[in-house]
């Protein structure tokens, strides 16, 4: 089985996970892939960051499922939030249809937040969020944690977080 880990990473957390997954599986890896880069593989693992409720580059897979028919596909999303089950269900329901969720493995891997690593346009958006959070009188623990991370970057990446995805790819999970 020919396997590839393909990914898009803006701030490095997705890249770190992609590298760990590729090392664990001993497979190819490709940053910023095109469909032609991945279509020749039997197993495709695609990772991208979560941004404003979206999945960075995920449409490469979801919009081309007809061209990827018969392949084992696993998606991993990377974000700074704790990944609570009810929040992730809302996210994955936006990314994948109910039918797609039956045939694609999907996983959340907690990343981090480092304001200095963001692109200029992402910094503008995040500054707007910061102002909004600062105006909030009673903040949740998550909101306060996000505010704190603007000044002190956080990194929640952990190699053990890939275990479930690896098990899925190797076939010990469906």
N, C-alpha and C. Protein backbone atom coordinates (compact mmCIF):
# COMPACT_ATOMS: atom_id res chain seq x y z
N UNK A 1 0.84 -1.18 0.00
CA UNK A 1 0.00 0.00 0.00
C UNK A 1 0.89 1.24 0.00
N UNK A 2 0.72 2.08 -1.01
CA UNK A 2 1.43 3.34 -1.11
C UNK A 2 0.68 4.41 -0.32
N UNK A 3 1.37 5.04 0.60
CA UNK A 3 0.74 6.02 1.50
C UNK A 3 1.45 7.35 1.40
N UNK A 4 0.66 8.43 1.50
CA UNK A 4 1.21 9.79 1.55
C UNK A 4 0.51 10.59 2.64
N UNK A 5 1.30 11.43 3.28
CA UNK A 5 0.76 12.44 4.19
C UNK A 5 0.89 13.76 3.44
N UNK A 6 -0.23 14.40 3.19
CA UNK A 6 -0.27 15.70 2.52
C UNK A 6 -0.83 16.71 3.52
N UNK A 7 -0.36 17.94 3.44
CA UNK A 7 -0.82 18.90 4.45
C UNK A 7 -0.60 20.34 3.97
N UNK A 8 -1.31 21.23 4.65
CA UNK A 8 -1.10 22.67 4.54
C UNK A 8 -0.91 23.16 5.98
N UNK A 9 0.11 23.98 6.17
CA UNK A 9 0.42 24.47 7.52
C UNK A 9 0.78 25.93 7.45
N UNK A 10 0.09 26.73 8.24
CA UNK A 10 0.39 28.16 8.28
C UNK A 10 1.38 28.49 9.40
N UNK A 11 1.26 27.80 10.52
CA UNK A 11 2.08 28.19 11.67
C UNK A 11 2.98 27.08 12.19
N UNK A 12 3.01 25.94 11.50
CA UNK A 12 3.97 24.90 11.84
C UNK A 12 3.45 23.72 12.63
N UNK A 13 2.31 23.86 13.28
CA UNK A 13 1.79 22.77 14.11
C UNK A 13 1.32 21.59 13.25
N UNK A 14 0.64 21.87 12.16
CA UNK A 14 0.19 20.81 11.25
C UNK A 14 1.41 20.14 10.63
N UNK A 15 2.40 20.90 10.26
CA UNK A 15 3.63 20.34 9.67
C UNK A 15 4.29 19.37 10.64
N UNK A 16 4.36 19.76 11.91
CA UNK A 16 4.97 18.89 12.92
C UNK A 16 4.24 17.55 12.98
N UNK A 17 2.91 17.60 13.03
CA UNK A 17 2.14 16.35 13.07
C UNK A 17 2.33 15.55 11.77
N UNK A 18 2.32 16.22 10.64
CA UNK A 18 2.50 15.52 9.36
C UNK A 18 3.84 14.79 9.34
N UNK A 19 4.87 15.43 9.82
CA UNK A 19 6.19 14.80 9.86
C UNK A 19 6.20 13.59 10.78
N UNK A 20 5.58 13.71 11.94
CA UNK A 20 5.51 12.58 12.87
C UNK A 20 4.75 11.41 12.26
N UNK A 21 3.64 11.70 11.60
CA UNK A 21 2.84 10.64 10.97
C UNK A 21 3.64 9.95 9.87
N UNK A 22 4.28 10.74 9.02
CA UNK A 22 5.09 10.18 7.93
C UNK A 22 6.24 9.33 8.48
N UNK A 23 6.87 9.79 9.54
CA UNK A 23 7.96 9.02 10.17
C UNK A 23 7.42 7.69 10.70
N UNK A 24 6.30 7.75 11.40
CA UNK A 24 5.71 6.55 12.00
C UNK A 24 5.33 5.52 10.94
N UNK A 25 4.79 5.99 9.83
CA UNK A 25 4.34 5.09 8.77
C UNK A 25 5.41 4.81 7.72
N UNK A 26 6.50 5.55 7.75
CA UNK A 26 7.55 5.38 6.76
C UNK A 26 7.05 5.66 5.35
N UNK A 27 6.28 6.75 5.22
CA UNK A 27 5.66 7.05 3.92
C UNK A 27 6.08 8.42 3.40
N UNK A 28 5.62 8.72 2.20
CA UNK A 28 5.90 10.01 1.57
C UNK A 28 5.15 11.13 2.28
N UNK A 29 5.64 12.35 2.07
CA UNK A 29 5.02 13.53 2.66
C UNK A 29 5.08 14.66 1.62
N UNK A 30 4.03 15.48 1.58
CA UNK A 30 3.98 16.58 0.59
C UNK A 30 3.25 17.77 1.21
N UNK A 31 3.91 18.92 1.20
CA UNK A 31 3.29 20.16 1.66
C UNK A 31 2.60 20.84 0.49
N UNK A 32 1.47 21.47 0.76
CA UNK A 32 0.69 22.21 -0.24
C UNK A 32 0.45 21.40 -1.51
N UNK A 33 -0.18 20.24 -1.38
CA UNK A 33 -0.34 19.34 -2.52
C UNK A 33 -1.40 19.79 -3.51
N UNK A 34 -1.23 19.30 -4.72
CA UNK A 34 -2.25 19.38 -5.77
C UNK A 34 -2.85 17.97 -5.87
N UNK A 35 -3.98 17.85 -6.52
CA UNK A 35 -4.62 16.55 -6.67
C UNK A 35 -3.66 15.55 -7.34
N UNK A 36 -2.91 16.00 -8.33
CA UNK A 36 -1.99 15.12 -9.04
C UNK A 36 -0.88 14.58 -8.13
N UNK A 37 -0.57 15.29 -7.04
CA UNK A 37 0.46 14.84 -6.10
C UNK A 37 0.01 13.67 -5.25
N UNK A 38 -1.29 13.51 -5.07
CA UNK A 38 -1.79 12.49 -4.14
C UNK A 38 -2.60 11.38 -4.81
N UNK A 39 -3.05 11.60 -6.02
CA UNK A 39 -3.99 10.65 -6.64
C UNK A 39 -3.39 9.28 -6.94
N UNK A 40 -2.07 9.16 -6.99
CA UNK A 40 -1.44 7.88 -7.27
C UNK A 40 -1.21 7.01 -6.04
N UNK A 41 -1.70 7.44 -4.90
CA UNK A 41 -1.49 6.71 -3.66
C UNK A 41 -2.73 5.92 -3.28
N UNK A 42 -2.53 4.81 -2.55
CA UNK A 42 -3.64 3.98 -2.08
C UNK A 42 -4.25 4.54 -0.81
N UNK A 43 -3.40 5.14 0.04
CA UNK A 43 -3.84 5.73 1.29
C UNK A 43 -3.40 7.19 1.31
N UNK A 44 -4.36 8.06 1.58
CA UNK A 44 -4.09 9.50 1.60
C UNK A 44 -4.46 10.02 2.99
N UNK A 45 -3.48 10.62 3.64
CA UNK A 45 -3.70 11.26 4.93
C UNK A 45 -3.52 12.75 4.68
N UNK A 46 -4.56 13.52 4.97
CA UNK A 46 -4.50 14.96 4.70
C UNK A 46 -4.70 15.73 5.99
N UNK A 47 -3.83 16.71 6.24
CA UNK A 47 -3.93 17.54 7.43
C UNK A 47 -3.95 19.01 7.11
N UNK A 48 -4.70 19.74 7.90
CA UNK A 48 -4.78 21.19 7.75
C UNK A 48 -5.22 21.82 9.05
N UNK A 49 -4.94 23.09 9.18
CA UNK A 49 -5.32 23.82 10.38
C UNK A 49 -6.79 24.21 10.35
N UNK A 50 -7.32 24.42 11.54
CA UNK A 50 -8.68 24.92 11.70
C UNK A 50 -8.59 26.44 11.78
N UNK A 51 -9.29 27.12 10.88
CA UNK A 51 -9.28 28.58 10.87
C UNK A 51 -10.69 29.09 10.68
N UNK A 52 -11.17 29.86 11.66
CA UNK A 52 -12.51 30.46 11.60
C UNK A 52 -13.56 29.40 11.24
N UNK A 53 -13.42 28.24 11.83
CA UNK A 53 -14.39 27.18 11.61
C UNK A 53 -14.17 26.39 10.34
N UNK A 54 -13.19 26.77 9.53
CA UNK A 54 -12.89 26.05 8.30
C UNK A 54 -11.70 25.13 8.47
N UNK A 55 -11.41 24.38 7.42
CA UNK A 55 -10.34 23.38 7.42
C UNK A 55 -9.39 23.70 6.27
N UNK A 56 -8.20 24.19 6.57
CA UNK A 56 -7.25 24.67 5.59
C UNK A 56 -6.94 23.61 4.52
N UNK A 57 -7.45 23.83 3.33
CA UNK A 57 -7.17 22.95 2.20
C UNK A 57 -7.99 21.69 2.12
N UNK A 58 -8.89 21.48 3.06
CA UNK A 58 -9.67 20.24 3.10
C UNK A 58 -10.51 19.98 1.87
N UNK A 59 -10.86 21.04 1.15
CA UNK A 59 -11.68 20.85 -0.05
C UNK A 59 -10.92 20.11 -1.15
N UNK A 60 -9.60 20.08 -1.08
CA UNK A 60 -8.83 19.29 -2.03
C UNK A 60 -9.32 17.84 -1.99
N UNK A 61 -9.63 17.37 -0.81
CA UNK A 61 -10.12 16.00 -0.64
C UNK A 61 -11.62 15.93 -0.87
N UNK A 62 -12.38 16.75 -0.15
CA UNK A 62 -13.84 16.61 -0.19
C UNK A 62 -14.44 16.89 -1.57
N UNK A 63 -13.83 17.79 -2.32
CA UNK A 63 -14.35 18.12 -3.66
C UNK A 63 -13.87 17.15 -4.74
N UNK A 64 -12.95 16.26 -4.39
CA UNK A 64 -12.39 15.33 -5.37
C UNK A 64 -12.58 13.87 -4.97
N UNK A 65 -13.55 13.59 -4.13
CA UNK A 65 -13.74 12.21 -3.68
C UNK A 65 -14.04 11.26 -4.83
N UNK A 66 -14.72 11.75 -5.86
CA UNK A 66 -14.99 10.90 -7.01
C UNK A 66 -13.68 10.46 -7.68
N UNK A 67 -12.69 11.32 -7.70
CA UNK A 67 -11.39 11.00 -8.32
C UNK A 67 -10.51 10.16 -7.38
N UNK A 68 -10.88 10.11 -6.11
CA UNK A 68 -10.11 9.38 -5.11
C UNK A 68 -10.83 8.10 -4.67
N UNK A 69 -11.81 7.69 -5.44
CA UNK A 69 -12.61 6.51 -5.13
C UNK A 69 -11.73 5.28 -4.95
N UNK A 70 -12.04 4.49 -3.94
CA UNK A 70 -11.31 3.26 -3.69
C UNK A 70 -10.07 3.44 -2.83
N UNK A 71 -9.78 4.66 -2.44
CA UNK A 71 -8.60 4.92 -1.63
C UNK A 71 -9.00 5.06 -0.16
N UNK A 72 -8.10 4.70 0.72
CA UNK A 72 -8.32 4.92 2.15
C UNK A 72 -7.92 6.36 2.44
N UNK A 73 -8.82 7.10 3.07
CA UNK A 73 -8.58 8.51 3.33
C UNK A 73 -8.74 8.80 4.82
N UNK A 74 -7.79 9.54 5.35
CA UNK A 74 -7.85 10.01 6.73
C UNK A 74 -7.55 11.50 6.72
N UNK A 75 -8.34 12.26 7.46
CA UNK A 75 -8.14 13.70 7.59
C UNK A 75 -7.75 14.00 9.03
N UNK A 76 -6.84 14.96 9.21
CA UNK A 76 -6.58 15.44 10.56
C UNK A 76 -6.58 16.96 10.55
N UNK A 77 -7.33 17.50 11.50
CA UNK A 77 -7.42 18.95 11.67
C UNK A 77 -6.61 19.32 12.91
N UNK A 78 -5.93 20.44 12.83
CA UNK A 78 -5.08 20.89 13.93
C UNK A 78 -5.55 22.28 14.35
N UNK A 79 -5.75 22.44 15.64
CA UNK A 79 -6.19 23.72 16.17
C UNK A 79 -5.71 23.91 17.60
N UNK A 80 -5.92 25.08 18.12
CA UNK A 80 -5.46 25.37 19.48
C UNK A 80 -6.50 25.04 20.55
N UNK A 81 -7.75 24.81 20.13
CA UNK A 81 -8.79 24.57 21.14
C UNK A 81 -8.64 23.17 21.74
N UNK A 82 -9.26 22.93 22.89
CA UNK A 82 -9.11 21.64 23.57
C UNK A 82 -9.70 20.45 22.80
N UNK A 83 -10.54 20.70 21.82
CA UNK A 83 -11.09 19.60 21.03
C UNK A 83 -12.21 18.85 21.72
N UNK A 84 -13.04 19.59 22.41
CA UNK A 84 -14.18 18.95 23.08
C UNK A 84 -15.08 18.27 22.04
N UNK A 85 -15.58 17.10 22.42
CA UNK A 85 -16.33 16.27 21.47
C UNK A 85 -17.48 17.01 20.81
N UNK A 86 -18.28 17.73 21.58
CA UNK A 86 -19.44 18.42 20.99
C UNK A 86 -19.01 19.53 20.03
N UNK A 87 -17.90 20.20 20.32
CA UNK A 87 -17.39 21.24 19.42
C UNK A 87 -16.81 20.63 18.14
N UNK A 88 -16.13 19.50 18.30
CA UNK A 88 -15.55 18.85 17.13
C UNK A 88 -16.64 18.26 16.23
N UNK A 89 -17.72 17.80 16.82
CA UNK A 89 -18.82 17.27 16.01
C UNK A 89 -19.36 18.37 15.10
N UNK A 90 -19.56 19.57 15.63
CA UNK A 90 -20.03 20.70 14.83
C UNK A 90 -19.03 20.99 13.70
N UNK A 91 -17.76 20.99 14.04
CA UNK A 91 -16.71 21.26 13.03
C UNK A 91 -16.75 20.20 11.93
N UNK A 92 -16.69 18.93 12.31
CA UNK A 92 -16.64 17.86 11.29
C UNK A 92 -17.93 17.80 10.48
N UNK A 93 -19.07 18.14 11.08
CA UNK A 93 -20.33 18.19 10.33
C UNK A 93 -20.30 19.29 9.27
N UNK A 94 -19.52 20.34 9.50
CA UNK A 94 -19.35 21.40 8.49
C UNK A 94 -18.41 20.96 7.38
N UNK A 95 -17.40 20.18 7.73
CA UNK A 95 -16.37 19.77 6.78
C UNK A 95 -16.80 18.59 5.92
N UNK A 96 -17.44 17.60 6.56
CA UNK A 96 -17.81 16.35 5.89
C UNK A 96 -19.31 16.10 5.99
N UNK A 97 -19.88 15.59 4.92
CA UNK A 97 -21.28 15.18 4.97
C UNK A 97 -21.39 13.92 5.84
N UNK A 98 -22.59 13.59 6.24
CA UNK A 98 -22.81 12.37 7.04
C UNK A 98 -22.32 11.14 6.28
N UNK A 99 -22.55 11.12 4.97
CA UNK A 99 -22.10 9.99 4.14
C UNK A 99 -20.57 9.92 4.10
N UNK A 100 -19.91 11.07 3.96
CA UNK A 100 -18.45 11.10 3.94
C UNK A 100 -17.86 10.64 5.27
N UNK A 101 -18.54 10.98 6.36
CA UNK A 101 -18.06 10.59 7.68
C UNK A 101 -18.07 9.07 7.87
N UNK A 102 -18.85 8.37 7.08
CA UNK A 102 -18.90 6.90 7.16
C UNK A 102 -17.70 6.25 6.48
N UNK A 103 -17.08 6.94 5.54
CA UNK A 103 -16.01 6.31 4.75
C UNK A 103 -14.64 6.96 4.92
N UNK A 104 -14.57 8.09 5.59
CA UNK A 104 -13.32 8.81 5.79
C UNK A 104 -13.00 8.83 7.28
N UNK A 105 -11.76 8.53 7.62
CA UNK A 105 -11.34 8.68 9.00
C UNK A 105 -11.05 10.15 9.26
N UNK A 106 -11.47 10.65 10.39
CA UNK A 106 -11.22 12.07 10.69
C UNK A 106 -10.83 12.23 12.15
N UNK A 107 -9.84 13.08 12.38
CA UNK A 107 -9.20 13.17 13.68
C UNK A 107 -8.85 14.62 13.98
N UNK A 108 -8.87 14.94 15.27
CA UNK A 108 -8.45 16.27 15.72
C UNK A 108 -7.16 16.10 16.51
N UNK A 109 -6.15 16.89 16.17
CA UNK A 109 -4.88 16.89 16.87
C UNK A 109 -4.62 18.30 17.39
N UNK A 110 -4.52 18.42 18.68
CA UNK A 110 -4.37 19.76 19.26
C UNK A 110 -3.00 20.34 18.94
N UNK A 111 -3.01 21.56 18.44
CA UNK A 111 -1.78 22.24 18.04
C UNK A 111 -1.36 23.29 19.04
N UNK A 112 -1.45 24.53 18.64
CA UNK A 112 -1.03 25.61 19.52
C UNK A 112 -1.40 26.95 18.93
N UNK A 113 -0.87 28.00 19.53
CA UNK A 113 -1.12 29.34 19.04
C UNK A 113 0.10 30.20 19.32
N UNK A 114 0.61 30.80 18.27
CA UNK A 114 1.74 31.73 18.38
C UNK A 114 1.44 32.89 17.44
N UNK A 115 1.01 34.00 18.01
CA UNK A 115 0.60 35.16 17.23
C UNK A 115 1.69 35.59 16.24
N UNK A 116 2.94 35.50 16.65
CA UNK A 116 4.05 35.95 15.80
C UNK A 116 4.22 35.10 14.55
N UNK A 117 3.73 33.89 14.53
CA UNK A 117 3.85 33.01 13.37
C UNK A 117 2.74 33.23 12.33
N UNK A 118 1.74 34.02 12.65
CA UNK A 118 0.61 34.21 11.75
C UNK A 118 0.98 35.09 10.56
N UNK A 119 0.24 34.89 9.48
CA UNK A 119 0.39 35.77 8.31
C UNK A 119 -0.20 37.13 8.66
N UNK A 120 0.12 38.13 7.87
CA UNK A 120 -0.38 39.49 8.13
C UNK A 120 -1.91 39.53 8.15
N UNK A 121 -2.55 38.85 7.21
CA UNK A 121 -4.02 38.88 7.17
C UNK A 121 -4.61 38.13 8.37
N UNK A 122 -3.99 37.04 8.78
CA UNK A 122 -4.48 36.32 9.96
C UNK A 122 -4.27 37.15 11.22
N UNK A 123 -3.19 37.92 11.27
CA UNK A 123 -2.95 38.78 12.42
C UNK A 123 -4.06 39.83 12.56
N UNK A 124 -4.50 40.38 11.44
CA UNK A 124 -5.58 41.36 11.47
C UNK A 124 -6.84 40.73 12.06
N UNK A 125 -7.20 39.55 11.57
CA UNK A 125 -8.39 38.86 12.08
C UNK A 125 -8.26 38.55 13.57
N UNK A 126 -7.08 38.09 13.96
CA UNK A 126 -6.88 37.72 15.35
C UNK A 126 -6.83 38.95 16.26
N UNK A 127 -6.38 40.08 15.74
CA UNK A 127 -6.42 41.32 16.54
C UNK A 127 -7.86 41.73 16.79
N UNK A 128 -8.72 41.52 15.79
CA UNK A 128 -10.15 41.84 15.98
C UNK A 128 -10.75 40.93 17.05
N UNK A 129 -10.38 39.65 17.02
CA UNK A 129 -10.86 38.72 18.05
C UNK A 129 -10.35 39.14 19.43
N UNK A 130 -9.09 39.55 19.49
CA UNK A 130 -8.51 39.98 20.77
C UNK A 130 -9.28 41.16 21.36
N UNK A 131 -9.60 42.13 20.52
CA UNK A 131 -10.36 43.30 20.99
C UNK A 131 -11.72 42.85 21.52
N UNK A 132 -12.36 41.96 20.78
CA UNK A 132 -13.67 41.45 21.21
C UNK A 132 -13.56 40.74 22.56
N UNK A 133 -12.53 39.90 22.70
CA UNK A 133 -12.35 39.17 23.96
C UNK A 133 -12.03 40.12 25.11
N UNK A 134 -11.24 41.15 24.83
CA UNK A 134 -10.90 42.12 25.88
C UNK A 134 -12.13 42.87 26.38
N UNK A 135 -13.11 43.07 25.51
CA UNK A 135 -14.33 43.78 25.89
C UNK A 135 -15.32 42.89 26.63
N UNK A 136 -15.10 41.58 26.57
CA UNK A 136 -16.00 40.64 27.25
C UNK A 136 -15.78 40.74 28.75
N UNK A 137 -16.86 41.03 29.47
CA UNK A 137 -16.77 41.22 30.93
C UNK A 137 -16.49 39.91 31.66
N UNK A 138 -17.27 38.88 31.35
CA UNK A 138 -17.10 37.59 32.01
C UNK A 138 -16.63 36.57 30.97
N UNK A 139 -15.33 36.31 30.99
CA UNK A 139 -14.74 35.40 30.01
C UNK A 139 -14.76 33.96 30.51
N UNK A 140 -14.92 33.04 29.54
CA UNK A 140 -14.77 31.63 29.87
C UNK A 140 -13.28 31.34 30.05
N UNK A 141 -12.98 30.18 30.57
CA UNK A 141 -11.58 29.77 30.74
C UNK A 141 -10.88 29.72 29.38
N UNK A 142 -11.59 29.22 28.35
CA UNK A 142 -11.01 29.16 27.01
C UNK A 142 -10.72 30.56 26.47
N UNK A 143 -11.65 31.49 26.68
CA UNK A 143 -11.46 32.86 26.19
C UNK A 143 -10.26 33.51 26.89
N UNK A 144 -10.14 33.31 28.19
CA UNK A 144 -9.00 33.88 28.91
C UNK A 144 -7.70 33.23 28.46
N UNK A 145 -7.73 31.94 28.23
CA UNK A 145 -6.55 31.24 27.74
C UNK A 145 -6.12 31.76 26.37
N UNK A 146 -7.09 32.05 25.52
CA UNK A 146 -6.79 32.59 24.20
C UNK A 146 -6.15 33.97 24.34
N UNK A 147 -6.71 34.80 25.18
CA UNK A 147 -6.13 36.13 25.41
C UNK A 147 -4.69 36.03 25.92
N UNK A 148 -4.46 35.13 26.86
CA UNK A 148 -3.12 34.95 27.42
C UNK A 148 -2.12 34.50 26.35
N UNK A 149 -2.60 33.69 25.39
CA UNK A 149 -1.72 33.14 24.36
C UNK A 149 -1.22 34.21 23.38
N UNK A 150 -1.86 35.34 23.32
CA UNK A 150 -1.37 36.42 22.46
C UNK A 150 0.02 36.88 22.92
N UNK A 151 0.23 36.84 24.23
CA UNK A 151 1.51 37.29 24.80
C UNK A 151 2.48 36.14 25.05
N UNK A 152 1.94 34.97 25.35
CA UNK A 152 2.77 33.81 25.64
C UNK A 152 2.30 32.65 24.77
N UNK A 153 3.04 32.34 23.70
CA UNK A 153 2.62 31.26 22.80
C UNK A 153 2.41 29.94 23.55
N UNK A 154 1.48 29.14 23.04
CA UNK A 154 1.19 27.82 23.62
C UNK A 154 1.39 26.76 22.55
N UNK A 155 1.92 25.62 22.96
CA UNK A 155 2.15 24.50 22.05
C UNK A 155 1.67 23.23 22.76
N UNK A 156 0.56 22.67 22.27
CA UNK A 156 -0.01 21.47 22.85
C UNK A 156 0.30 20.22 22.03
N UNK A 157 1.16 20.35 21.01
CA UNK A 157 1.45 19.19 20.17
C UNK A 157 2.11 18.10 21.01
N UNK A 158 1.77 16.87 20.67
CA UNK A 158 2.32 15.72 21.38
C UNK A 158 2.27 14.54 20.42
N UNK A 159 3.37 13.89 20.24
CA UNK A 159 3.45 12.78 19.30
C UNK A 159 2.42 11.69 19.60
N UNK A 160 2.09 11.50 20.87
CA UNK A 160 1.12 10.44 21.22
C UNK A 160 -0.27 10.74 20.65
N UNK A 161 -0.54 11.99 20.29
CA UNK A 161 -1.85 12.35 19.74
C UNK A 161 -2.12 11.70 18.38
N UNK A 162 -1.09 11.22 17.70
CA UNK A 162 -1.28 10.61 16.38
C UNK A 162 -1.67 9.14 16.46
N UNK A 163 -1.65 8.55 17.63
CA UNK A 163 -1.85 7.09 17.78
C UNK A 163 -3.15 6.59 17.15
N UNK A 164 -4.25 7.27 17.40
CA UNK A 164 -5.53 6.83 16.87
C UNK A 164 -5.55 6.89 15.33
N UNK A 165 -4.99 7.94 14.78
CA UNK A 165 -4.91 8.07 13.33
C UNK A 165 -4.03 6.95 12.74
N UNK A 166 -2.90 6.69 13.35
CA UNK A 166 -2.00 5.62 12.89
C UNK A 166 -2.73 4.28 12.93
N UNK A 167 -3.44 4.01 14.00
CA UNK A 167 -4.19 2.76 14.12
C UNK A 167 -5.23 2.65 13.01
N UNK A 168 -5.91 3.75 12.71
CA UNK A 168 -6.90 3.75 11.63
C UNK A 168 -6.25 3.41 10.29
N UNK A 169 -5.15 4.06 10.00
CA UNK A 169 -4.47 3.86 8.72
C UNK A 169 -3.96 2.43 8.59
N UNK A 170 -3.46 1.91 9.69
CA UNK A 170 -2.93 0.53 9.66
C UNK A 170 -4.04 -0.52 9.66
N UNK A 171 -5.27 -0.08 9.81
CA UNK A 171 -6.40 -0.99 9.68
C UNK A 171 -6.93 -1.60 10.94
N UNK A 172 -6.41 -1.19 12.11
CA UNK A 172 -6.91 -1.75 13.35
C UNK A 172 -8.14 -1.01 13.84
N UNK A 173 -8.57 0.01 13.08
CA UNK A 173 -9.81 0.72 13.38
C UNK A 173 -10.54 0.96 12.07
N UNK A 174 -11.84 1.09 12.16
CA UNK A 174 -12.63 1.46 10.97
C UNK A 174 -13.41 2.70 11.25
